PDB file of N, CA and C in Angstrom:
ATOM      1  N   UNK A   1     -26.042  20.595  -6.217  1.00  0.00           N
ATOM      2  CA  UNK A   1     -24.939  20.003  -5.748  1.00  0.00           C
ATOM      3  C   UNK A   1     -23.921  20.907  -5.614  1.00  0.00           C
ATOM      4  N   UNK A   2     -23.453  20.823  -4.373  1.00  0.00           N
ATOM      5  CA  UNK A   2     -22.377  21.548  -4.386  1.00  0.00           C
ATOM      6  C   UNK A   2     -21.230  21.003  -4.724  1.00  0.00           C
ATOM      7  N   UNK A   3     -20.096  21.714  -4.551  1.00  0.00           N
ATOM      8  CA  UNK A   3     -18.593  21.111  -5.183  1.00  0.00           C
ATOM      9  C   UNK A   3     -18.260  20.039  -3.674  1.00  0.00           C
ATOM     10  N   UNK A   4     -18.352  20.618  -2.529  1.00  0.00           N
ATOM     11  CA  UNK A   4     -18.465  19.632  -1.993  1.00  0.00           C
ATOM     12  C   UNK A   4     -18.734  18.062  -1.697  1.00  0.00           C
ATOM     13  N   UNK A   5     -20.242  17.991  -1.971  1.00  0.00           N
ATOM     14  CA  UNK A   5     -21.030  16.912  -2.199  1.00  0.00           C
ATOM     15  C   UNK A   5     -20.129  16.404  -3.172  1.00  0.00           C
ATOM     16  N   UNK A   6     -19.962  17.044  -3.870  1.00  0.00           N
ATOM     17  CA  UNK A   6     -19.280  16.198  -5.385  1.00  0.00           C
ATOM     18  C   UNK A   6     -18.169  15.206  -5.374  1.00  0.00           C
ATOM     19  N   UNK A   7     -17.070  15.850  -4.195  1.00  0.00           N
ATOM     20  CA  UNK A   7     -15.951  15.143  -3.886  1.00  0.00           C
ATOM     21  C   UNK A   7     -16.472  13.909  -3.076  1.00  0.00           C
ATOM     22  N   UNK A   8     -17.475  13.688  -2.382  1.00  0.00           N
ATOM     23  CA  UNK A   8     -18.182  12.626  -1.163  1.00  0.00           C
ATOM     24  C   UNK A   8     -19.366  11.567  -2.121  1.00  0.00           C
ATOM     25  N   UNK A   9     -19.082  11.893  -3.329  1.00  0.00           N
ATOM     26  CA  UNK A   9     -19.982  11.403  -4.169  1.00  0.00           C
ATOM     27  C   UNK A   9     -19.305   9.788  -4.575  1.00  0.00           C
ATOM     28  N   UNK A  10     -19.694   9.138  -4.487  1.00  0.00           N
ATOM     29  CA  UNK A  10     -19.467   7.572  -5.300  1.00  0.00           C
ATOM     30  C   UNK A  10     -19.518   7.472  -6.701  1.00  0.00           C
ATOM     31  N   UNK A  11     -18.757   6.917  -7.323  1.00  0.00           N
ATOM     32  CA  UNK A  11     -18.842   6.402  -8.439  1.00  0.00           C
ATOM     33  C   UNK A  11     -18.321   5.109  -8.691  1.00  0.00           C
ATOM     34  N   UNK A  12     -18.987   4.030  -9.586  1.00  0.00           N
ATOM     35  CA  UNK A  12     -18.182   2.784 -10.425  1.00  0.00           C
ATOM     36  C   UNK A  12     -17.296   2.946 -11.439  1.00  0.00           C
ATOM     37  N   UNK A  13     -16.445   2.142 -10.922  1.00  0.00           N
ATOM     38  CA  UNK A  13     -15.290   2.374 -11.948  1.00  0.00           C
ATOM     39  C   UNK A  13     -14.833   0.749 -12.465  1.00  0.00           C
ATOM     40  N   UNK A  14     -14.729   0.434 -13.728  1.00  0.00           N
ATOM     41  CA  UNK A  14     -14.833  -1.091 -14.009  1.00  0.00           C
ATOM     42  C   UNK A  14     -12.643  -0.754 -14.727  1.00  0.00           C
ATOM     43  N   UNK A  15     -12.218  -2.038 -13.921  1.00  0.00           N
ATOM     44  CA  UNK A  15     -10.847  -2.404 -14.127  1.00  0.00           C
ATOM     45  C   UNK A  15     -10.764  -3.308 -14.775  1.00  0.00           C
ATOM     46  N   UNK A  16     -10.734  -3.140 -16.045  1.00  0.00           N
ATOM     47  CA  UNK A  16     -10.411  -4.286 -17.179  1.00  0.00           C
ATOM     48  C   UNK A  16      -8.390  -4.846 -17.171  1.00  0.00           C
ATOM     49  N   UNK A  17      -8.400  -5.981 -17.359  1.00  0.00           N
ATOM     50  CA  UNK A  17      -6.922  -6.746 -16.953  1.00  0.00           C
ATOM     51  C   UNK A  17      -6.659  -6.823 -19.002  1.00  0.00           C
ATOM     52  N   UNK A  18      -5.626  -7.218 -19.017  1.00  0.00           N
ATOM     53  CA  UNK A  18      -5.282  -7.833 -20.357  1.00  0.00           C
ATOM     54  C   UNK A  18      -5.763  -8.849 -21.133  1.00  0.00           C
ATOM     55  N   UNK A  19      -6.050  -9.867 -20.083  1.00  0.00           N
ATOM     56  CA  UNK A  19      -7.143 -11.231 -20.826  1.00  0.00           C
ATOM     57  C   UNK A  19      -8.829 -10.486 -20.387  1.00  0.00           C
ATOM     58  N   UNK A  20      -8.922  -9.342 -20.471  1.00  0.00           N
ATOM     59  CA  UNK A  20     -10.249  -9.131 -20.763  1.00  0.00           C
ATOM     60  C   UNK A  20     -11.355  -9.225 -19.397  1.00  0.00           C
ATOM     61  N   UNK A  21     -10.429  -9.417 -18.237  1.00  0.00           N
ATOM     62  CA  UNK A  21     -11.057  -9.726 -16.957  1.00  0.00           C
ATOM     63  C   UNK A  21     -11.582  -8.533 -16.389  1.00  0.00           C
ATOM     64  N   UNK A  22     -12.866  -8.262 -15.601  1.00  0.00           N
ATOM     65  CA  UNK A  22     -13.334  -7.077 -15.400  1.00  0.00           C
ATOM     66  C   UNK A  22     -13.399  -7.183 -13.756  1.00  0.00           C
ATOM     67  N   UNK A  23     -12.774  -6.283 -12.941  1.00  0.00           N
ATOM     68  CA  UNK A  23     -13.185  -6.164 -11.522  1.00  0.00           C
ATOM     69  C   UNK A  23     -14.215  -4.842 -11.478  1.00  0.00           C
ATOM     70  N   UNK A  24     -15.018  -4.619 -10.504  1.00  0.00           N
ATOM     71  CA  UNK A  24     -15.578  -3.382 -10.589  1.00  0.00           C
ATOM     72  C   UNK A  24     -15.326  -2.923  -9.259  1.00  0.00           C
ATOM     73  N   UNK A  25     -15.377  -1.623  -9.192  1.00  0.00           N
ATOM     74  CA  UNK A  25     -14.886  -0.914  -7.689  1.00  0.00           C
ATOM     75  C   UNK A  25     -15.866  -0.026  -7.548  1.00  0.00           C
ATOM     76  N   UNK A  26     -16.275   0.508  -5.994  1.00  0.00           N
ATOM     77  CA  UNK A  26     -17.063   1.742  -6.106  1.00  0.00           C
ATOM     78  C   UNK A  26     -16.289   2.679  -5.162  1.00  0.00           C
ATOM     79  N   UNK A  27     -15.944   3.744  -5.324  1.00  0.00           N
ATOM     80  CA  UNK A  27     -14.957   4.684  -5.032  1.00  0.00           C
ATOM     81  C   UNK A  27     -15.445   6.009  -4.625  1.00  0.00           C
ATOM     82  N   UNK A  28     -14.982   6.666  -4.002  1.00  0.00           N
ATOM     83  CA  UNK A  28     -15.203   8.234  -3.815  1.00  0.00           C
ATOM     84  C   UNK A  28     -14.661   8.837  -4.709  1.00  0.00           C
ATOM     85  N   UNK A  29     -15.130  10.208  -5.007  1.00  0.00           N
ATOM     86  CA  UNK A  29     -14.209  11.289  -6.153  1.00  0.00           C
ATOM     87  C   UNK A  29     -12.964  11.851  -5.530  1.00  0.00           C
ATOM     88  N   UNK A  30     -13.092  11.819  -4.277  1.00  0.00           N
ATOM     89  CA  UNK A  30     -11.993  11.853  -3.658  1.00  0.00           C
ATOM     90  C   UNK A  30     -10.721  10.969  -3.072  1.00  0.00           C
ATOM     91  N   UNK A  31     -10.927   9.777  -3.389  1.00  0.00           N
ATOM     92  CA  UNK A  31      -9.984   8.461  -3.296  1.00  0.00           C
ATOM     93  C   UNK A  31      -8.735   8.927  -3.657  1.00  0.00           C
ATOM     94  N   UNK A  32      -7.998   8.381  -3.159  1.00  0.00           N
ATOM     95  CA  UNK A  32      -6.394   8.213  -4.030  1.00  0.00           C
ATOM     96  C   UNK A  32      -6.806   7.133  -4.891  1.00  0.00           C
ATOM     97  N   UNK A  33      -5.967   7.029  -6.131  1.00  0.00           N
ATOM     98  CA  UNK A  33      -6.279   6.077  -6.962  1.00  0.00           C
ATOM     99  C   UNK A  33      -5.264   4.696  -6.355  1.00  0.00           C
ATOM    100  N   UNK A  34      -4.203   5.313  -5.757  1.00  0.00           N
ATOM    101  CA  UNK A  34      -2.958   4.114  -4.909  1.00  0.00           C
ATOM    102  C   UNK A  34      -3.720   3.101  -4.408  1.00  0.00           C
ATOM    103  N   UNK A  35      -5.376   3.496  -3.297  1.00  0.00           N
ATOM    104  CA  UNK A  35      -5.749   2.688  -2.924  1.00  0.00           C
ATOM    105  C   UNK A  35      -6.532   1.623  -3.855  1.00  0.00           C
ATOM    106  N   UNK A  36      -7.050   1.907  -4.892  1.00  0.00           N
ATOM    107  CA  UNK A  36      -7.702   1.399  -6.059  1.00  0.00           C
ATOM    108  C   UNK A  36      -6.836   0.209  -6.394  1.00  0.00           C
ATOM    109  N   UNK A  37      -5.567   0.774  -6.605  1.00  0.00           N
ATOM    110  CA  UNK A  37      -4.524  -0.037  -7.596  1.00  0.00           C
ATOM    111  C   UNK A  37      -3.939  -1.067  -6.191  1.00  0.00           C
ATOM    112  N   UNK A  38      -3.908  -0.633  -5.423  1.00  0.00           N
ATOM    113  CA  UNK A  38      -3.152  -1.877  -4.611  1.00  0.00           C
ATOM    114  C   UNK A  38      -4.693  -2.804  -4.149  1.00  0.00           C
ATOM    115  N   UNK A  39      -5.472  -2.577  -3.972  1.00  0.00           N
ATOM    116  CA  UNK A  39      -6.831  -3.314  -3.738  1.00  0.00           C
ATOM    117  C   UNK A  39      -6.789  -4.510  -4.902  1.00  0.00           C
ATOM    118  N   UNK A  40      -6.613  -3.887  -6.251  1.00  0.00           N
ATOM    119  CA  UNK A  40      -6.826  -4.559  -7.637  1.00  0.00           C
ATOM    120  C   UNK A  40      -5.579  -5.365  -7.168  1.00  0.00           C
ATOM    121  N   UNK A  41      -4.407  -5.741  -7.251  1.00  0.00           N
ATOM    122  CA  UNK A  41      -3.459  -5.917  -7.137  1.00  0.00           C
ATOM    123  C   UNK A  41      -3.613  -6.871  -6.179  1.00  0.00           C
ATOM    124  N   UNK A  42      -4.048  -6.751  -4.798  1.00  0.00           N
ATOM    125  CA  UNK A  42      -4.165  -8.224  -3.847  1.00  0.00           C
ATOM    126  C   UNK A  42      -5.151  -9.116  -4.360  1.00  0.00           C
ATOM    127  N   UNK A  43      -6.271  -8.358  -5.226  1.00  0.00           N
ATOM    128  CA  UNK A  43      -7.510  -9.437  -5.731  1.00  0.00           C
ATOM    129  C   UNK A  43      -6.680 -10.276  -6.736  1.00  0.00           C
ATOM    130  N   UNK A  44      -5.584  -9.524  -7.579  1.00  0.00           N
ATOM    131  CA  UNK A  44      -4.856 -10.686  -8.561  1.00  0.00           C
ATOM    132  C   UNK A  44      -4.016 -11.365  -7.895  1.00  0.00           C
ATOM    133  N   UNK A  45      -3.237 -11.059  -7.041  1.00  0.00           N
ATOM    134  CA  UNK A  45      -2.634 -11.753  -6.415  1.00  0.00           C
ATOM    135  C   UNK A  45      -0.980 -11.297  -6.920  1.00  0.00           C
ATOM    136  N   UNK A  46      -1.305  -9.901  -7.325  1.00  0.00           N
ATOM    137  CA  UNK A  46       0.687  -9.527  -7.933  1.00  0.00           C
ATOM    138  C   UNK A  46       0.589  -8.255  -7.153  1.00  0.00           C
ATOM    139  N   UNK A  47       2.197  -8.420  -6.915  1.00  0.00           N
ATOM    140  CA  UNK A  47       2.515  -6.841  -6.461  1.00  0.00           C
ATOM    141  C   UNK A  47       2.252  -5.808  -7.261  1.00  0.00           C
ATOM    142  N   UNK A  48       1.519  -4.670  -6.729  1.00  0.00           N
ATOM    143  CA  UNK A  48       1.005  -2.933  -7.638  1.00  0.00           C
ATOM    144  C   UNK A  48       2.007  -2.628  -8.270  1.00  0.00           C
ATOM    145  N   UNK A  49       3.203  -2.799  -7.800  1.00  0.00           N
ATOM    146  CA  UNK A  49       4.459  -2.534  -9.027  1.00  0.00           C
ATOM    147  C   UNK A  49       4.629  -2.967 -10.258  1.00  0.00           C
ATOM    148  N   UNK A  50       4.261  -4.393 -10.206  1.00  0.00           N
ATOM    149  CA  UNK A  50       4.456  -5.101 -11.524  1.00  0.00           C
ATOM    150  C   UNK A  50       3.253  -4.667 -12.749  1.00  0.00           C
ATOM    151  N   UNK A  51       2.173  -3.974 -12.311  1.00  0.00           N
ATOM    152  CA  UNK A  51       1.351  -3.148 -12.674  1.00  0.00           C
ATOM    153  C   UNK A  51       1.071  -2.098 -13.376  1.00  0.00           C
ATOM    154  N   UNK A  52       0.372  -1.549 -14.267  1.00  0.00           N
ATOM    155  CA  UNK A  52       0.278   0.076 -14.991  1.00  0.00           C
ATOM    156  C   UNK A  52      -1.290  -0.421 -15.044  1.00  0.00           C
ATOM    157  N   UNK A  53      -1.634   1.152 -14.755  1.00  0.00           N
ATOM    158  CA  UNK A  53      -3.235   1.590 -14.560  1.00  0.00           C
ATOM    159  C   UNK A  53      -3.103   3.112 -15.707  1.00  0.00           C
ATOM    160  N   UNK A  54      -3.823   2.663 -16.664  1.00  0.00           N
ATOM    161  CA  UNK A  54      -4.280   3.456 -17.883  1.00  0.00           C
ATOM    162  C   UNK A  54      -5.722   4.476 -17.743  1.00  0.00           C
ATOM    163  N   UNK A  55      -5.917   5.473 -17.514  1.00  0.00           N
ATOM    164  CA  UNK A  55      -7.056   6.256 -18.016  1.00  0.00           C
ATOM    165  C   UNK A  55      -7.117   7.193 -19.127  1.00  0.00           C
ATOM    166  N   UNK A  56      -8.168   6.481 -20.152  1.00  0.00           N
ATOM    167  CA  UNK A  56      -8.072   7.533 -21.378  1.00  0.00           C
ATOM    168  C   UNK A  56      -6.555   7.656 -22.274  1.00  0.00           C
ATOM    169  N   UNK A  57      -6.168   6.402 -22.126  1.00  0.00           N
ATOM    170  CA  UNK A  57      -4.203   6.251 -22.226  1.00  0.00           C
ATOM    171  C   UNK A  57      -3.167   7.056 -21.780  1.00  0.00           C
ATOM    172  N   UNK A  58      -3.772   7.646 -20.646  1.00  0.00           N
ATOM    173  CA  UNK A  58      -2.901   8.072 -19.570  1.00  0.00           C
ATOM    174  C   UNK A  58      -2.651   7.230 -18.421  1.00  0.00           C
ATOM    175  N   UNK A  59      -1.843   7.052 -17.934  1.00  0.00           N
ATOM    176  CA  UNK A  59      -1.085   6.397 -16.835  1.00  0.00           C
ATOM    177  C   UNK A  59      -1.388   7.135 -15.506  1.00  0.00           C
ATOM    178  N   UNK A  60      -1.831   6.453 -14.716  1.00  0.00           N
ATOM    179  CA  UNK A  60      -2.408   7.161 -13.415  1.00  0.00           C
ATOM    180  C   UNK A  60      -1.273   7.737 -12.096  1.00  0.00           C
ATOM    181  N   UNK A  61      -1.627   8.326 -11.649  1.00  0.00           N
ATOM    182  CA  UNK A  61      -0.735   8.373 -10.362  1.00  0.00           C
ATOM    183  C   UNK A  61      -1.515   7.939  -9.125  1.00  0.00           C
ATOM    184  N   UNK A  62      -0.417   7.452  -8.577  1.00  0.00           N
ATOM    185  CA  UNK A  62      -1.270   6.971  -7.026  1.00  0.00           C
ATOM    186  C   UNK A  62      -2.291   8.222  -6.262  1.00  0.00           C
ATOM    187  N   UNK A  63      -1.259   9.213  -6.203  1.00  0.00           N
ATOM    188  CA  UNK A  63      -1.813  10.486  -5.542  1.00  0.00           C
ATOM    189  C   UNK A  63      -2.907  10.959  -6.210  1.00  0.00           C
ATOM    190  N   UNK A  64      -3.185  10.883  -7.718  1.00  0.00           N
ATOM    191  CA  UNK A  64      -4.551  11.240  -8.431  1.00  0.00           C
ATOM    192  C   UNK A  64      -5.959  10.677  -7.955  1.00  0.00           C
ATOM    193  N   UNK A  65      -7.001  11.275  -7.694  1.00  0.00           N
ATOM    194  CA  UNK A  65      -8.296  10.914  -7.203  1.00  0.00           C
ATOM    195  C   UNK A  65      -9.236  10.945  -8.775  1.00  0.00           C
ATOM    196  N   UNK A  66     -10.649  10.389  -8.611  1.00  0.00           N
ATOM    197  CA  UNK A  66     -11.062   9.801  -9.738  1.00  0.00           C
ATOM    198  C   UNK A  66     -11.709  11.715  -9.686  1.00  0.00           C
ATOM    199  N   UNK A  67     -11.998  12.540  -9.430  1.00  0.00           N
ATOM    200  CA  UNK A  67     -12.057  13.915  -9.486  1.00  0.00           C
ATOM    201  C   UNK A  67     -11.362  14.593 -10.268  1.00  0.00           C
ATOM    202  N   UNK A  68     -10.080  14.730 -10.007  1.00  0.00           N
ATOM    203  CA  UNK A  68      -8.913  14.567 -10.660  1.00  0.00           C
ATOM    204  C   UNK A  68      -8.947  14.370 -12.148  1.00  0.00           C
ATOM    205  N   UNK A  69      -8.955  13.402 -12.452  1.00  0.00           N
ATOM    206  CA  UNK A  69      -8.843  13.115 -13.621  1.00  0.00           C
ATOM    207  C   UNK A  69     -10.656  12.710 -14.392  1.00  0.00           C
ATOM    208  N   UNK A  70     -11.203  13.747 -13.775  1.00  0.00           N
ATOM    209  CA  UNK A  70     -13.060  13.447 -14.535  1.00  0.00           C
ATOM    210  C   UNK A  70     -13.119  12.238 -14.842  1.00  0.00           C
ATOM    211  N   UNK A  71     -13.103  11.691 -13.852  1.00  0.00           N
ATOM    212  CA  UNK A  71     -13.743  10.262 -14.375  1.00  0.00           C
ATOM    213  C   UNK A  71     -15.351  10.143 -14.160  1.00  0.00           C
ATOM    214  N   UNK A  72     -15.825   9.489 -14.507  1.00  0.00           N
ATOM    215  CA  UNK A  72     -17.044   9.563 -14.439  1.00  0.00           C
ATOM    216  C   UNK A  72     -17.749   8.159 -14.027  1.00  0.00           C
ATOM    217  N   UNK A  73     -19.187   7.771 -13.879  1.00  0.00           N
ATOM    218  CA  UNK A  73     -19.882   6.908 -13.027  1.00  0.00           C
ATOM    219  C   UNK A  73     -19.684   5.802 -14.664  1.00  0.00           C
ATOM    220  N   UNK A  74     -19.422   4.311 -14.334  1.00  0.00           N
ATOM    221  CA  UNK A  74     -18.850   3.875 -15.177  1.00  0.00           C
ATOM    222  C   UNK A  74     -17.718   3.489 -15.819  1.00  0.00           C
ATOM    223  N   UNK A  75     -17.029   4.407 -15.845  1.00  0.00           N
ATOM    224  CA  UNK A  75     -15.353   4.673 -16.577  1.00  0.00           C
ATOM    225  C   UNK A  75     -14.704   3.613 -16.502  1.00  0.00           C
ATOM    226  N   UNK A  76     -13.677   3.180 -17.447  1.00  0.00           N
ATOM    227  CA  UNK A  76     -12.792   1.869 -17.457  1.00  0.00           C
ATOM    228  C   UNK A  76     -11.634   2.553 -17.189  1.00  0.00           C
ATOM    229  N   UNK A  77     -11.053   1.842 -16.451  1.00  0.00           N
ATOM    230  CA  UNK A  77      -9.091   1.982 -16.336  1.00  0.00           C
ATOM    231  C   UNK A  77      -8.837   0.367 -16.664  1.00  0.00           C
ATOM    232  N   UNK A  78      -7.758   0.788 -17.713  1.00  0.00           N
ATOM    233  CA  UNK A  78      -7.019  -0.491 -18.366  1.00  0.00           C
ATOM    234  C   UNK A  78      -6.082  -0.883 -17.458  1.00  0.00           C
ATOM    235  N   UNK A  79      -5.613  -2.295 -17.038  1.00  0.00           N
ATOM    236  CA  UNK A  79      -4.307  -2.406 -16.598  1.00  0.00           C
ATOM    237  C   UNK A  79      -3.414  -3.670 -17.365  1.00  0.00           C
ATOM    238  N   UNK A  80      -1.972  -2.978 -17.332  1.00  0.00           N
ATOM    239  CA  UNK A  80      -1.074  -3.935 -17.949  1.00  0.00           C
ATOM    240  C   UNK A  80      -0.137  -4.194 -17.408  1.00  0.00           C
ATOM    241  N   UNK A  81       0.318  -5.636 -17.524  1.00  0.00           N
ATOM    242  CA  UNK A  81       1.763  -6.111 -16.277  1.00  0.00           C
ATOM    243  C   UNK A  81       2.739  -5.082 -17.160  1.00  0.00           C
ATOM    244  N   UNK A  82       3.769  -4.663 -16.522  1.00  0.00           N
ATOM    245  CA  UNK A  82       4.658  -3.714 -16.468  1.00  0.00           C
ATOM    246  C   UNK A  82       5.483  -4.390 -17.273  1.00  0.00           C
ATOM    247  N   UNK A  83       5.891  -3.817 -18.655  1.00  0.00           N
ATOM    248  CA  UNK A  83       7.354  -4.343 -19.303  1.00  0.00           C
ATOM    249  C   UNK A  83       8.378  -4.420 -18.592  1.00  0.00           C
ATOM    250  N   UNK A  84       9.455  -5.595 -18.450  1.00  0.00           N
ATOM    251  CA  UNK A  84      10.359  -5.321 -18.138  1.00  0.00           C
ATOM    252  C   UNK A  84      11.514  -5.912 -18.968  1.00  0.00           C
ATOM    253  N   UNK A  85      12.774  -5.225 -19.480  1.00  0.00           N
ATOM    254  CA  UNK A  85      13.662  -5.710 -19.990  1.00  0.00           C
ATOM    255  C   UNK A  85      13.997  -4.478 -20.873  1.00  0.00           C
ATOM    256  N   UNK A  86      15.001  -5.305 -22.198  1.00  0.00           N
ATOM    257  CA  UNK A  86      15.102  -3.990 -22.729  1.00  0.00           C
ATOM    258  C   UNK A  86      16.213  -4.411 -24.099  1.00  0.00           C
ATOM    259  N   UNK A  87      16.733  -3.633 -24.445  1.00  0.00           N
ATOM    260  CA  UNK A  87      17.358  -4.335 -25.898  1.00  0.00           C
ATOM    261  C   UNK A  87      18.999  -4.167 -25.489  1.00  0.00           C
ATOM    262  N   UNK A  88      19.695  -5.168 -26.568  1.00  0.00           N
ATOM    263  CA  UNK A  88      20.656  -5.398 -26.373  1.00  0.00           C
ATOM    264  C   UNK A  88      21.383  -4.445 -27.280  1.00  0.00           C
TER     265      UNK A  88
END
């Protein structure tokens, strides 16, 4: 398989929320993660800005792709509510 074909390849990703609910996505290796994040937020009925998406413990940026993140088929993305507030 050439590097070009690798970018067009689809993988399945599991997005797991804090309540352990799972949403499955089939995405191209070249898809921006911002699209996945927006789609997940819409399905959950919340604003994307209220969520944090992590892969291997690192925050996922909107402009990154599964290929850039070295994701593989059936990898898991964790989603957390953004913490608001602070100390007094």
